[in-house]
Amino acid sequence: MGATSDKIKGAANEAIGKAKQGVGEAVGSEKLQGEGLVQEGKGHAQQAVGDAKQAAKDAVDKAANFAHKKL
């Protein structure tokens, strides 16, 4: 999975998690609130993975460009 798809899935999981928490609060379901909190956390983690992948790709690209200029 690429950095962009990780970020998109992470944002979606965060939004769904927040919605679940809101619905859980509205209906008085601690279980649904907890599921929402977990899903939101999963979304944060997915976005962090996407950010890390992007940073690694950028570093590799920068190194490759530097090496290409030296040749």
N, C-alpha and C. Protein backbone atom coordinates (compact mmCIF):
# COMPACT_ATOMS: atom_id res chain seq x y z
N MET A 1 0.84 -1.16 0.00
CA MET A 1 0.00 0.00 0.00
C MET A 1 0.89 1.23 0.00
N GLY A 2 0.53 2.22 -0.79
CA GLY A 2 1.34 3.42 -0.87
C GLY A 2 1.02 4.42 0.22
N ALA A 3 1.84 5.44 0.27
CA ALA A 3 1.69 6.47 1.30
C ALA A 3 0.34 7.17 1.20
N THR A 4 -0.07 7.48 -0.02
CA THR A 4 -1.33 8.19 -0.20
C THR A 4 -2.51 7.35 0.23
N SER A 5 -2.52 6.08 -0.14
CA SER A 5 -3.65 5.23 0.23
C SER A 5 -3.69 5.01 1.75
N ASP A 6 -2.52 4.94 2.39
CA ASP A 6 -2.48 4.84 3.86
C ASP A 6 -3.09 6.09 4.49
N LYS A 7 -2.74 7.24 3.95
CA LYS A 7 -3.26 8.49 4.50
C LYS A 7 -4.77 8.59 4.30
N ILE A 8 -5.26 8.18 3.14
CA ILE A 8 -6.70 8.24 2.85
C ILE A 8 -7.47 7.28 3.76
N LYS A 9 -6.98 6.05 3.87
CA LYS A 9 -7.64 5.07 4.74
C LYS A 9 -7.59 5.52 6.19
N GLY A 10 -6.48 6.12 6.58
CA GLY A 10 -6.35 6.63 7.94
C GLY A 10 -7.36 7.73 8.23
N ALA A 11 -7.51 8.65 7.28
CA ALA A 11 -8.48 9.73 7.46
C ALA A 11 -9.90 9.18 7.53
N ALA A 12 -10.19 8.19 6.70
CA ALA A 12 -11.52 7.58 6.72
C ALA A 12 -11.78 6.88 8.06
N ASN A 13 -10.80 6.13 8.55
CA ASN A 13 -10.97 5.46 9.83
C ASN A 13 -11.14 6.46 10.97
N GLU A 14 -10.42 7.56 10.91
CA GLU A 14 -10.59 8.59 11.94
C GLU A 14 -12.01 9.14 11.92
N ALA A 15 -12.49 9.47 10.72
CA ALA A 15 -13.84 10.04 10.60
C ALA A 15 -14.91 9.05 11.07
N ILE A 16 -14.78 7.80 10.66
CA ILE A 16 -15.75 6.78 11.06
C ILE A 16 -15.69 6.57 12.57
N GLY A 17 -14.48 6.56 13.11
CA GLY A 17 -14.31 6.40 14.55
C GLY A 17 -14.97 7.52 15.33
N LYS A 18 -14.79 8.75 14.87
CA LYS A 18 -15.42 9.90 15.53
C LYS A 18 -16.94 9.80 15.44
N ALA A 19 -17.43 9.38 14.28
CA ALA A 19 -18.88 9.23 14.11
C ALA A 19 -19.42 8.17 15.06
N LYS A 20 -18.72 7.04 15.16
CA LYS A 20 -19.15 5.98 16.07
C LYS A 20 -19.19 6.49 17.51
N GLN A 21 -18.19 7.26 17.88
CA GLN A 21 -18.17 7.81 19.23
C GLN A 21 -19.38 8.71 19.46
N GLY A 22 -19.70 9.54 18.48
CA GLY A 22 -20.84 10.44 18.60
C GLY A 22 -22.15 9.70 18.71
N VAL A 23 -22.31 8.67 17.88
CA VAL A 23 -23.53 7.86 17.93
C VAL A 23 -23.59 7.13 19.26
N GLY A 24 -22.46 6.60 19.69
CA GLY A 24 -22.41 5.90 20.97
C GLY A 24 -22.82 6.80 22.13
N GLU A 25 -22.34 8.04 22.10
CA GLU A 25 -22.74 8.99 23.13
C GLU A 25 -24.24 9.28 23.06
N ALA A 26 -24.75 9.45 21.84
CA ALA A 26 -26.16 9.79 21.65
C ALA A 26 -27.09 8.69 22.15
N VAL A 27 -26.71 7.44 21.93
CA VAL A 27 -27.58 6.32 22.32
C VAL A 27 -27.17 5.71 23.66
N GLY A 28 -26.12 6.24 24.26
CA GLY A 28 -25.68 5.74 25.56
C GLY A 28 -24.97 4.40 25.50
N SER A 29 -24.26 4.14 24.39
CA SER A 29 -23.56 2.87 24.24
C SER A 29 -22.06 3.07 24.45
N GLU A 30 -21.59 2.62 25.61
CA GLU A 30 -20.16 2.70 25.88
C GLU A 30 -19.37 1.81 24.94
N LYS A 31 -19.97 0.69 24.53
CA LYS A 31 -19.30 -0.23 23.60
C LYS A 31 -19.03 0.47 22.27
N LEU A 32 -20.04 1.15 21.74
CA LEU A 32 -19.88 1.85 20.47
C LEU A 32 -18.88 3.00 20.60
N GLN A 33 -18.91 3.68 21.74
CA GLN A 33 -17.93 4.74 21.98
C GLN A 33 -16.52 4.17 21.98
N GLY A 34 -16.35 3.03 22.62
CA GLY A 34 -15.04 2.39 22.67
C GLY A 34 -14.56 1.94 21.30
N GLU A 35 -15.49 1.35 20.52
CA GLU A 35 -15.13 0.93 19.16
C GLU A 35 -14.70 2.14 18.33
N GLY A 36 -15.42 3.24 18.52
CA GLY A 36 -15.07 4.45 17.78
C GLY A 36 -13.70 4.98 18.17
N LEU A 37 -13.40 4.92 19.45
CA LEU A 37 -12.10 5.38 19.92
C LEU A 37 -10.97 4.53 19.35
N VAL A 38 -11.20 3.22 19.32
CA VAL A 38 -10.20 2.30 18.75
C VAL A 38 -10.02 2.57 17.26
N GLN A 39 -11.13 2.75 16.54
CA GLN A 39 -11.04 2.97 15.10
C GLN A 39 -10.36 4.31 14.80
N GLU A 40 -10.65 5.32 15.62
CA GLU A 40 -9.99 6.60 15.43
C GLU A 40 -8.48 6.46 15.64
N GLY A 41 -8.09 5.70 16.67
CA GLY A 41 -6.67 5.45 16.91
C GLY A 41 -6.01 4.71 15.76
N LYS A 42 -6.75 3.75 15.19
CA LYS A 42 -6.24 3.03 14.03
C LYS A 42 -6.00 4.00 12.87
N GLY A 43 -6.91 4.94 12.70
CA GLY A 43 -6.76 5.94 11.64
C GLY A 43 -5.53 6.80 11.84
N HIS A 44 -5.29 7.22 13.09
CA HIS A 44 -4.08 8.00 13.38
C HIS A 44 -2.84 7.20 13.02
N ALA A 45 -2.84 5.93 13.38
CA ALA A 45 -1.68 5.07 13.10
C ALA A 45 -1.47 4.91 11.60
N GLN A 46 -2.57 4.70 10.85
CA GLN A 46 -2.45 4.55 9.40
C GLN A 46 -1.88 5.82 8.77
N GLN A 47 -2.33 6.96 9.25
CA GLN A 47 -1.79 8.20 8.70
C GLN A 47 -0.31 8.36 9.03
N ALA A 48 0.08 7.94 10.22
CA ALA A 48 1.49 8.01 10.60
C ALA A 48 2.34 7.11 9.71
N VAL A 49 1.81 5.93 9.38
CA VAL A 49 2.52 5.02 8.47
C VAL A 49 2.66 5.69 7.10
N GLY A 50 1.59 6.30 6.62
CA GLY A 50 1.64 7.00 5.34
C GLY A 50 2.67 8.12 5.35
N ASP A 51 2.71 8.88 6.44
CA ASP A 51 3.70 9.96 6.56
C ASP A 51 5.12 9.41 6.55
N ALA A 52 5.33 8.29 7.25
CA ALA A 52 6.66 7.68 7.30
C ALA A 52 7.08 7.16 5.93
N LYS A 53 6.14 6.53 5.23
CA LYS A 53 6.45 6.04 3.88
C LYS A 53 6.81 7.20 2.95
N GLN A 54 6.06 8.30 3.07
CA GLN A 54 6.33 9.46 2.22
C GLN A 54 7.69 10.05 2.54
N ALA A 55 8.02 10.14 3.82
CA ALA A 55 9.32 10.68 4.22
C ALA A 55 10.46 9.80 3.71
N ALA A 56 10.28 8.49 3.78
CA ALA A 56 11.31 7.57 3.28
C ALA A 56 11.48 7.72 1.77
N LYS A 57 10.35 7.80 1.07
CA LYS A 57 10.40 7.97 -0.39
C LYS A 57 11.09 9.28 -0.75
N ASP A 58 10.76 10.35 -0.04
CA ASP A 58 11.38 11.64 -0.31
C ASP A 58 12.89 11.59 -0.07
N ALA A 59 13.31 10.90 0.99
CA ALA A 59 14.73 10.79 1.30
C ALA A 59 15.46 10.00 0.22
N VAL A 60 14.86 8.92 -0.24
CA VAL A 60 15.46 8.11 -1.30
C VAL A 60 15.55 8.92 -2.60
N ASP A 61 14.48 9.63 -2.93
CA ASP A 61 14.49 10.45 -4.14
C ASP A 61 15.56 11.54 -4.07
N LYS A 62 15.68 12.15 -2.90
CA LYS A 62 16.68 13.21 -2.73
C LYS A 62 18.09 12.63 -2.87
N ALA A 63 18.32 11.46 -2.29
CA ALA A 63 19.64 10.83 -2.39
C ALA A 63 19.94 10.43 -3.83
N ALA A 64 18.93 9.91 -4.52
CA ALA A 64 19.12 9.51 -5.92
C ALA A 64 19.42 10.72 -6.79
N ASN A 65 18.72 11.81 -6.56
CA ASN A 65 18.98 13.03 -7.34
C ASN A 65 20.38 13.56 -7.06
N PHE A 66 20.80 13.51 -5.81
CA PHE A 66 22.13 13.96 -5.44
C PHE A 66 23.19 13.09 -6.13
N ALA A 67 22.99 11.78 -6.07
CA ALA A 67 23.95 10.86 -6.69
C ALA A 67 23.99 11.05 -8.20
N HIS A 68 22.84 11.31 -8.79
CA HIS A 68 22.77 11.52 -10.25
C HIS A 68 23.55 12.78 -10.65
N LYS A 69 23.44 13.83 -9.84
CA LYS A 69 24.16 15.07 -10.13
C LYS A 69 25.66 14.88 -10.03
N LYS A 70 26.10 13.98 -9.12
CA LYS A 70 27.54 13.76 -8.93
C LYS A 70 28.13 12.91 -10.04
N LEU A 71 27.28 12.19 -10.77
CA LEU A 71 27.79 11.35 -11.86
C LEU A 71 28.01 12.23 -13.04
